[in-house]
Amino acid sequence: MKPVFIATMIVAAALGAPAATAAAPDAGSAGAPWAPAPPPPGPPPGPPPVEGAPCNYGGVEDGGLWVHLEGGNAAHYGTEWMCEHNPDKPWP
């Protein structure tokens, strides 16, 4: 740094001038434009599925049946429940 710049900064600090640094934004501020929005209101989740109960499949109401997945199958699909096509219903 040049001596003139350093001397100017010392004088400015002695006179009480604000520092030339900006404060970091508060990422936890509510209502800030960068803060994530709260989830939209909606109905509460329904009861858990029941093995063999009807479910909506491919846009067809009651076109499928709930199947409970276990172990590796649940891990593979990332869920313990899957709605599979009901063979007694027409394919959507």
N, C-alpha and C. Protein backbone atom coordinates (compact mmCIF):
# COMPACT_ATOMS: atom_id res chain seq x y z
N MET A 1 0.84 -1.18 0.00
CA MET A 1 0.00 0.00 0.00
C MET A 1 0.89 1.24 0.00
N LYS A 2 0.36 2.27 -0.57
CA LYS A 2 1.11 3.52 -0.60
C LYS A 2 0.98 4.23 0.74
N PRO A 3 2.03 4.91 1.16
CA PRO A 3 2.00 5.61 2.45
C PRO A 3 0.88 6.65 2.54
N VAL A 4 0.56 7.31 1.43
CA VAL A 4 -0.49 8.34 1.45
C VAL A 4 -1.84 7.69 1.77
N PHE A 5 -2.11 6.54 1.18
CA PHE A 5 -3.37 5.83 1.42
C PHE A 5 -3.46 5.41 2.88
N ILE A 6 -2.36 4.87 3.41
CA ILE A 6 -2.35 4.42 4.81
C ILE A 6 -2.58 5.60 5.74
N ALA A 7 -1.93 6.71 5.47
CA ALA A 7 -2.10 7.90 6.30
C ALA A 7 -3.54 8.41 6.23
N THR A 8 -4.13 8.38 5.06
CA THR A 8 -5.52 8.82 4.90
C THR A 8 -6.46 7.93 5.71
N MET A 9 -6.23 6.64 5.70
CA MET A 9 -7.08 5.71 6.45
C MET A 9 -6.94 5.93 7.95
N ILE A 10 -5.71 6.23 8.40
CA ILE A 10 -5.49 6.48 9.83
C ILE A 10 -6.22 7.74 10.26
N VAL A 11 -6.15 8.79 9.45
CA VAL A 11 -6.84 10.04 9.77
C VAL A 11 -8.35 9.83 9.75
N ALA A 12 -8.84 9.11 8.76
CA ALA A 12 -10.28 8.86 8.66
C ALA A 12 -10.77 8.06 9.87
N ALA A 13 -9.99 7.09 10.31
CA ALA A 13 -10.37 6.30 11.48
C ALA A 13 -10.35 7.15 12.74
N ALA A 14 -9.38 8.05 12.83
CA ALA A 14 -9.30 8.92 14.01
C ALA A 14 -10.47 9.89 14.06
N LEU A 15 -10.98 10.30 12.92
CA LEU A 15 -12.11 11.23 12.87
C LEU A 15 -13.45 10.50 13.02
N GLY A 16 -13.42 9.20 13.08
CA GLY A 16 -14.65 8.44 13.28
C GLY A 16 -15.38 8.08 12.00
N ALA A 17 -14.71 8.12 10.89
CA ALA A 17 -15.34 7.74 9.62
C ALA A 17 -15.64 6.24 9.64
N PRO A 18 -16.75 5.84 9.06
CA PRO A 18 -17.07 4.41 9.04
C PRO A 18 -16.07 3.64 8.20
N ALA A 19 -15.86 2.42 8.56
CA ALA A 19 -14.95 1.56 7.80
C ALA A 19 -15.54 1.28 6.44
N ALA A 20 -14.70 0.95 5.51
CA ALA A 20 -15.14 0.71 4.14
C ALA A 20 -15.48 -0.75 3.89
N THR A 21 -15.96 -1.42 4.92
CA THR A 21 -16.35 -2.81 4.73
C THR A 21 -17.85 -2.93 4.85
N ALA A 22 -18.41 -3.85 4.12
CA ALA A 22 -19.86 -4.08 4.17
C ALA A 22 -20.13 -5.28 5.06
N ALA A 23 -21.18 -5.19 5.82
CA ALA A 23 -21.57 -6.31 6.67
C ALA A 23 -22.15 -7.42 5.80
N ALA A 24 -21.90 -8.64 6.19
CA ALA A 24 -22.46 -9.78 5.46
C ALA A 24 -23.96 -9.83 5.69
N PRO A 25 -24.73 -10.17 4.66
CA PRO A 25 -26.18 -10.26 4.83
C PRO A 25 -26.54 -11.34 5.84
N ASP A 26 -27.58 -11.11 6.59
CA ASP A 26 -28.07 -12.07 7.56
C ASP A 26 -28.93 -13.09 6.83
N ALA A 27 -28.40 -14.29 6.65
CA ALA A 27 -29.12 -15.31 5.88
C ALA A 27 -30.33 -15.83 6.63
N GLY A 28 -30.44 -15.55 7.92
CA GLY A 28 -31.57 -16.07 8.68
C GLY A 28 -32.70 -15.06 8.83
N SER A 29 -32.61 -13.91 8.17
CA SER A 29 -33.64 -12.89 8.32
C SER A 29 -34.95 -13.34 7.69
N ALA A 30 -36.01 -13.23 8.47
CA ALA A 30 -37.33 -13.58 7.94
C ALA A 30 -37.77 -12.50 6.96
N GLY A 31 -38.36 -12.87 5.89
CA GLY A 31 -38.85 -11.94 4.90
C GLY A 31 -37.80 -11.45 3.93
N ALA A 32 -36.57 -11.90 4.08
CA ALA A 32 -35.52 -11.49 3.16
C ALA A 32 -35.76 -12.16 1.81
N PRO A 33 -35.41 -11.47 0.73
CA PRO A 33 -35.70 -12.05 -0.59
C PRO A 33 -34.98 -13.36 -0.87
N TRP A 34 -33.87 -13.62 -0.19
CA TRP A 34 -33.14 -14.86 -0.42
C TRP A 34 -33.57 -15.96 0.54
N ALA A 35 -34.42 -15.65 1.51
CA ALA A 35 -34.87 -16.66 2.47
C ALA A 35 -35.90 -17.57 1.81
N PRO A 36 -35.87 -18.86 2.09
CA PRO A 36 -36.86 -19.77 1.49
C PRO A 36 -38.26 -19.45 1.99
N ALA A 37 -39.20 -19.57 1.11
CA ALA A 37 -40.60 -19.30 1.46
C ALA A 37 -41.15 -20.45 2.29
N PRO A 38 -42.07 -20.14 3.19
CA PRO A 38 -42.68 -21.24 3.95
C PRO A 38 -43.53 -22.10 3.03
N PRO A 39 -43.74 -23.35 3.38
CA PRO A 39 -44.55 -24.21 2.52
C PRO A 39 -45.98 -23.69 2.43
N PRO A 40 -46.61 -23.81 1.26
CA PRO A 40 -47.97 -23.32 1.12
C PRO A 40 -48.93 -24.12 1.99
N PRO A 41 -49.97 -23.47 2.48
CA PRO A 41 -50.93 -24.21 3.29
C PRO A 41 -51.67 -25.23 2.44
N GLY A 42 -52.03 -26.29 3.02
CA GLY A 42 -52.74 -27.34 2.29
C GLY A 42 -53.39 -28.29 3.26
N PRO A 43 -54.09 -29.25 2.73
CA PRO A 43 -54.75 -30.20 3.62
C PRO A 43 -53.71 -31.06 4.33
N PRO A 44 -54.02 -31.50 5.52
CA PRO A 44 -53.08 -32.38 6.22
C PRO A 44 -52.96 -33.71 5.50
N PRO A 45 -51.84 -34.38 5.65
CA PRO A 45 -51.69 -35.67 4.97
C PRO A 45 -52.75 -36.66 5.46
N GLY A 46 -53.19 -37.49 4.56
CA GLY A 46 -54.20 -38.48 4.90
C GLY A 46 -53.62 -39.64 5.69
N PRO A 47 -54.46 -40.60 5.99
CA PRO A 47 -53.97 -41.75 6.74
C PRO A 47 -52.99 -42.56 5.89
N PRO A 48 -52.14 -43.34 6.51
CA PRO A 48 -51.19 -44.14 5.74
C PRO A 48 -51.93 -45.16 4.87
N PRO A 49 -51.34 -45.53 3.73
CA PRO A 49 -51.98 -46.51 2.85
C PRO A 49 -52.14 -47.86 3.55
N VAL A 50 -53.05 -48.64 3.03
CA VAL A 50 -53.30 -50.00 3.52
C VAL A 50 -53.02 -50.96 2.38
N GLU A 51 -52.28 -52.01 2.66
CA GLU A 51 -51.94 -53.02 1.64
C GLU A 51 -53.21 -53.49 0.92
N GLY A 52 -53.22 -53.38 -0.42
CA GLY A 52 -54.34 -53.85 -1.24
C GLY A 52 -55.49 -52.86 -1.37
N ALA A 53 -55.42 -51.71 -0.69
CA ALA A 53 -56.48 -50.71 -0.82
C ALA A 53 -56.36 -50.01 -2.17
N PRO A 54 -57.47 -49.53 -2.75
CA PRO A 54 -57.40 -48.86 -4.04
C PRO A 54 -56.66 -47.52 -3.95
N CYS A 55 -56.00 -47.17 -5.04
CA CYS A 55 -55.31 -45.89 -5.17
C CYS A 55 -55.47 -45.40 -6.60
N ASN A 56 -55.24 -44.11 -6.81
CA ASN A 56 -55.34 -43.54 -8.15
C ASN A 56 -54.06 -43.86 -8.92
N TYR A 57 -54.22 -44.49 -10.07
CA TYR A 57 -53.07 -44.93 -10.86
C TYR A 57 -53.23 -44.42 -12.28
N GLY A 58 -52.24 -43.73 -12.79
CA GLY A 58 -52.26 -43.26 -14.17
C GLY A 58 -53.43 -42.35 -14.47
N GLY A 59 -53.87 -41.58 -13.49
CA GLY A 59 -54.99 -40.67 -13.70
C GLY A 59 -56.34 -41.34 -13.61
N VAL A 60 -56.37 -42.64 -13.33
CA VAL A 60 -57.63 -43.38 -13.21
C VAL A 60 -57.92 -43.55 -11.72
N GLU A 61 -59.07 -43.05 -11.30
CA GLU A 61 -59.45 -43.18 -9.90
C GLU A 61 -59.62 -44.65 -9.55
N ASP A 62 -59.00 -45.06 -8.48
CA ASP A 62 -59.01 -46.46 -8.02
C ASP A 62 -58.49 -47.43 -9.08
N GLY A 63 -57.59 -46.95 -9.93
CA GLY A 63 -57.04 -47.80 -10.98
C GLY A 63 -55.85 -48.63 -10.53
N GLY A 64 -55.47 -48.48 -9.26
CA GLY A 64 -54.33 -49.22 -8.75
C GLY A 64 -54.59 -49.74 -7.36
N LEU A 65 -53.61 -50.48 -6.84
CA LEU A 65 -53.68 -51.03 -5.49
C LEU A 65 -52.39 -50.69 -4.76
N TRP A 66 -52.50 -50.34 -3.46
CA TRP A 66 -51.32 -50.05 -2.67
C TRP A 66 -50.54 -51.32 -2.38
N VAL A 67 -49.22 -51.23 -2.55
CA VAL A 67 -48.31 -52.34 -2.27
C VAL A 67 -47.26 -51.82 -1.29
N HIS A 68 -47.02 -52.57 -0.22
CA HIS A 68 -46.00 -52.18 0.76
C HIS A 68 -44.66 -52.76 0.34
N LEU A 69 -43.66 -51.88 0.25
CA LEU A 69 -42.31 -52.30 -0.15
C LEU A 69 -41.44 -52.43 1.09
N GLU A 70 -40.53 -53.38 1.07
CA GLU A 70 -39.64 -53.59 2.21
C GLU A 70 -38.20 -53.69 1.74
N GLY A 71 -37.29 -53.47 2.67
CA GLY A 71 -35.86 -53.68 2.43
C GLY A 71 -35.31 -52.93 1.23
N GLY A 72 -34.64 -53.70 0.35
CA GLY A 72 -34.00 -53.11 -0.81
C GLY A 72 -34.97 -52.46 -1.78
N ASN A 73 -36.18 -53.01 -1.88
CA ASN A 73 -37.17 -52.40 -2.78
C ASN A 73 -37.56 -51.01 -2.28
N ALA A 74 -37.79 -50.88 -0.98
CA ALA A 74 -38.14 -49.57 -0.42
C ALA A 74 -36.98 -48.60 -0.60
N ALA A 75 -35.76 -49.06 -0.39
CA ALA A 75 -34.59 -48.20 -0.56
C ALA A 75 -34.44 -47.79 -2.02
N HIS A 76 -34.69 -48.71 -2.94
CA HIS A 76 -34.55 -48.42 -4.37
C HIS A 76 -35.52 -47.33 -4.81
N TYR A 77 -36.78 -47.42 -4.38
CA TYR A 77 -37.79 -46.46 -4.80
C TYR A 77 -37.88 -45.25 -3.87
N GLY A 78 -37.22 -45.30 -2.71
CA GLY A 78 -37.24 -44.17 -1.80
C GLY A 78 -38.55 -44.01 -1.07
N THR A 79 -39.35 -45.05 -1.00
CA THR A 79 -40.63 -45.01 -0.30
C THR A 79 -41.01 -46.41 0.12
N GLU A 80 -41.86 -46.51 1.12
CA GLU A 80 -42.32 -47.82 1.56
C GLU A 80 -43.63 -48.22 0.89
N TRP A 81 -44.25 -47.30 0.17
CA TRP A 81 -45.54 -47.58 -0.47
C TRP A 81 -45.49 -47.24 -1.95
N MET A 82 -46.13 -48.07 -2.76
CA MET A 82 -46.22 -47.83 -4.19
C MET A 82 -47.62 -48.20 -4.67
N CYS A 83 -48.15 -47.38 -5.57
CA CYS A 83 -49.44 -47.67 -6.18
C CYS A 83 -49.17 -48.40 -7.49
N GLU A 84 -49.56 -49.66 -7.56
CA GLU A 84 -49.36 -50.46 -8.78
C GLU A 84 -50.69 -50.65 -9.50
N HIS A 85 -50.61 -50.88 -10.79
CA HIS A 85 -51.81 -51.07 -11.61
C HIS A 85 -52.64 -52.24 -11.09
N ASN A 86 -53.92 -52.01 -11.01
CA ASN A 86 -54.86 -53.06 -10.60
C ASN A 86 -55.18 -53.89 -11.84
N PRO A 87 -54.85 -55.19 -11.86
CA PRO A 87 -55.09 -56.00 -13.06
C PRO A 87 -56.57 -56.15 -13.39
N ASP A 88 -57.46 -55.86 -12.45
CA ASP A 88 -58.89 -55.95 -12.73
C ASP A 88 -59.44 -54.70 -13.40
N LYS A 89 -58.61 -53.68 -13.56
CA LYS A 89 -59.04 -52.41 -14.18
C LYS A 89 -58.37 -52.27 -15.55
N PRO A 90 -59.01 -51.55 -16.48
CA PRO A 90 -58.37 -51.33 -17.79
C PRO A 90 -57.12 -50.48 -17.63
N TRP A 91 -56.15 -50.74 -18.50
CA TRP A 91 -54.90 -49.99 -18.49
C TRP A 91 -55.19 -48.55 -18.90
N PRO A 92 -54.64 -47.57 -18.17
CA PRO A 92 -54.93 -46.15 -18.49
C PRO A 92 -54.40 -45.71 -19.83
